[in-house]
């Protein structure tokens, strides 16, 4: 390729930004459900970290379920 036909660096990284924004949007929705802070979504903007971060969030148990288990344990101890 000649320098005139090569895409510029900024144009070539636009797909990475788009995918990073998608990962961040998913993390914004998923992080509070899993008991993680919302700023965790900012980490998803780093290329190649986003998919692994989403997999990490998906592997965690929902906070609501953990709270219900803790409440059940407390009620069983009281009996």
C-alpha atoms as a PDB file:
ATOM      1  CA  UNK A   1       0.000   0.000   0.000  1.00  0.00           C
ATOM      2  CA  UNK A   2       1.129   3.462  -0.691  1.00  0.00           C
ATOM      3  CA  UNK A   3       0.907   6.152   1.983  1.00  0.00           C
ATOM      4  CA  UNK A   4      -1.950   7.788   0.082  1.00  0.00           C
ATOM      5  CA  UNK A   5      -4.140   4.677   0.242  1.00  0.00           C
ATOM      6  CA  UNK A   6      -3.339   3.611   3.814  1.00  0.00           C
ATOM      7  CA  UNK A   7      -6.055   4.468   6.320  1.00  0.00           C
ATOM      8  CA  UNK A   8      -5.027   6.880   9.004  1.00  0.00           C
ATOM      9  CA  UNK A   9      -4.361   5.588  12.515  1.00  0.00           C
ATOM     10  CA  UNK A  10      -7.463   7.261  13.962  1.00  0.00           C
ATOM     11  CA  UNK A  11      -9.729   5.686  11.381  1.00  0.00           C
ATOM     12  CA  UNK A  12      -8.235   2.253  12.013  1.00  0.00           C
ATOM     13  CA  UNK A  13      -8.949   2.347  15.769  1.00  0.00           C
ATOM     14  CA  UNK A  14     -12.579   3.485  15.473  1.00  0.00           C
ATOM     15  CA  UNK A  15     -13.841  -0.139  15.540  1.00  0.00           C
ATOM     16  CA  UNK A  16     -11.983  -0.682  18.826  1.00  0.00           C
ATOM     17  CA  UNK A  17     -13.735   2.338  20.336  1.00  0.00           C
ATOM     18  CA  UNK A  18     -17.135   1.145  19.120  1.00  0.00           C
ATOM     19  CA  UNK A  19     -16.632  -2.334  20.584  1.00  0.00           C
ATOM     20  CA  UNK A  20     -15.308  -0.813  23.816  1.00  0.00           C
ATOM     21  CA  UNK A  21     -18.403   1.358  24.135  1.00  0.00           C
ATOM     22  CA  UNK A  22     -20.606  -1.706  23.669  1.00  0.00           C
ATOM     23  CA  UNK A  23     -18.690  -3.609  26.385  1.00  0.00           C
ATOM     24  CA  UNK A  24     -18.938  -0.580  28.688  1.00  0.00           C
ATOM     25  CA  UNK A  25     -22.707  -0.321  28.135  1.00  0.00           C
ATOM     26  CA  UNK A  26     -23.145  -3.987  29.027  1.00  0.00           C
ATOM     27  CA  UNK A  27     -20.956  -3.537  32.112  1.00  0.00           C
ATOM     28  CA  UNK A  28     -22.973  -0.476  33.218  1.00  0.00           C
ATOM     29  CA  UNK A  29     -26.064  -2.653  33.282  1.00  0.00           C
ATOM     30  CA  UNK A  30     -24.409  -5.766  34.705  1.00  0.00           C
ATOM     31  CA  UNK A  31     -22.048  -4.377  37.380  1.00  0.00           C
ATOM     32  CA  UNK A  32     -24.704  -3.148  39.867  1.00  0.00           C
ATOM     33  CA  UNK A  33     -26.556  -6.476  39.615  1.00  0.00           C
ATOM     34  CA  UNK A  34     -23.365  -8.283  40.569  1.00  0.00           C
ATOM     35  CA  UNK A  35     -22.499  -5.917  43.417  1.00  0.00           C
ATOM     36  CA  UNK A  36     -19.632  -4.142  41.645  1.00  0.00           C
ATOM     37  CA  UNK A  37     -19.302  -0.355  41.318  1.00  0.00           C
ATOM     38  CA  UNK A  38     -20.406   1.351  38.100  1.00  0.00           C
ATOM     39  CA  UNK A  39     -16.887   2.675  37.424  1.00  0.00           C
ATOM     40  CA  UNK A  40     -16.018  -0.916  36.559  1.00  0.00           C
ATOM     41  CA  UNK A  41     -17.494  -0.100  33.134  1.00  0.00           C
ATOM     42  CA  UNK A  42     -14.631   2.321  32.450  1.00  0.00           C
ATOM     43  CA  UNK A  43     -12.224  -0.615  32.513  1.00  0.00           C
ATOM     44  CA  UNK A  44     -14.174  -2.181  29.650  1.00  0.00           C
ATOM     45  CA  UNK A  45     -13.004   0.603  27.337  1.00  0.00           C
ATOM     46  CA  UNK A  46      -9.487  -0.880  27.314  1.00  0.00           C
ATOM     47  CA  UNK A  47      -9.122  -3.118  24.241  1.00  0.00           C
ATOM     48  CA  UNK A  48      -8.926  -6.849  24.980  1.00  0.00           C
ATOM     49  CA  UNK A  49      -9.950  -6.272  28.615  1.00  0.00           C
ATOM     50  CA  UNK A  50     -13.654  -5.794  27.864  1.00  0.00           C
ATOM     51  CA  UNK A  51     -14.536  -9.373  26.918  1.00  0.00           C
ATOM     52  CA  UNK A  52     -12.660 -10.786  29.907  1.00  0.00           C
ATOM     53  CA  UNK A  53     -14.274  -8.247  32.236  1.00  0.00           C
ATOM     54  CA  UNK A  54     -17.735  -9.164  30.985  1.00  0.00           C
ATOM     55  CA  UNK A  55     -16.964 -12.860  31.453  1.00  0.00           C
ATOM     56  CA  UNK A  56     -15.832 -12.075  35.003  1.00  0.00           C
ATOM     57  CA  UNK A  57     -19.064 -10.212  35.719  1.00  0.00           C
ATOM     58  CA  UNK A  58     -21.146 -13.007  34.233  1.00  0.00           C
ATOM     59  CA  UNK A  59     -19.370 -15.569  36.418  1.00  0.00           C
ATOM     60  CA  UNK A  60     -20.300 -13.712  39.608  1.00  0.00           C
ATOM     61  CA  UNK A  61     -23.486 -14.517  41.485  1.00  0.00           C
ATOM     62  CA  UNK A  62     -26.127 -11.786  41.544  1.00  0.00           C
ATOM     63  CA  UNK A  63     -26.045  -9.593  44.639  1.00  0.00           C
ATOM     64  CA  UNK A  64     -29.757 -10.174  45.170  1.00  0.00           C
ATOM     65  CA  UNK A  65     -29.200 -13.927  45.432  1.00  0.00           C
ATOM     66  CA  UNK A  66     -26.299 -13.460  47.860  1.00  0.00           C
ATOM     67  CA  UNK A  67     -28.436 -11.167  50.021  1.00  0.00           C
ATOM     68  CA  UNK A  68     -31.266 -13.721  50.069  1.00  0.00           C
ATOM     69  CA  UNK A  69     -28.847 -16.490  51.086  1.00  0.00           C
ATOM     70  CA  UNK A  70     -27.466 -14.313  53.903  1.00  0.00           C
ATOM     71  CA  UNK A  71     -31.005 -13.566  55.095  1.00  0.00           C
ATOM     72  CA  UNK A  72     -31.858 -17.268  55.034  1.00  0.00           C
ATOM     73  CA  UNK A  73     -28.748 -18.082  57.078  1.00  0.00           C
ATOM     74  CA  UNK A  74     -29.688 -15.408  59.623  1.00  0.00           C
ATOM     75  CA  UNK A  75     -33.231 -16.771  59.943  1.00  0.00           C
ATOM     76  CA  UNK A  76     -31.945 -20.344  60.392  1.00  0.00           C
ATOM     77  CA  UNK A  77     -29.556 -19.262  63.159  1.00  0.00           C
ATOM     78  CA  UNK A  78     -32.391 -17.591  65.033  1.00  0.00           C
ATOM     79  CA  UNK A  79     -34.404 -20.804  65.248  1.00  0.00           C
END
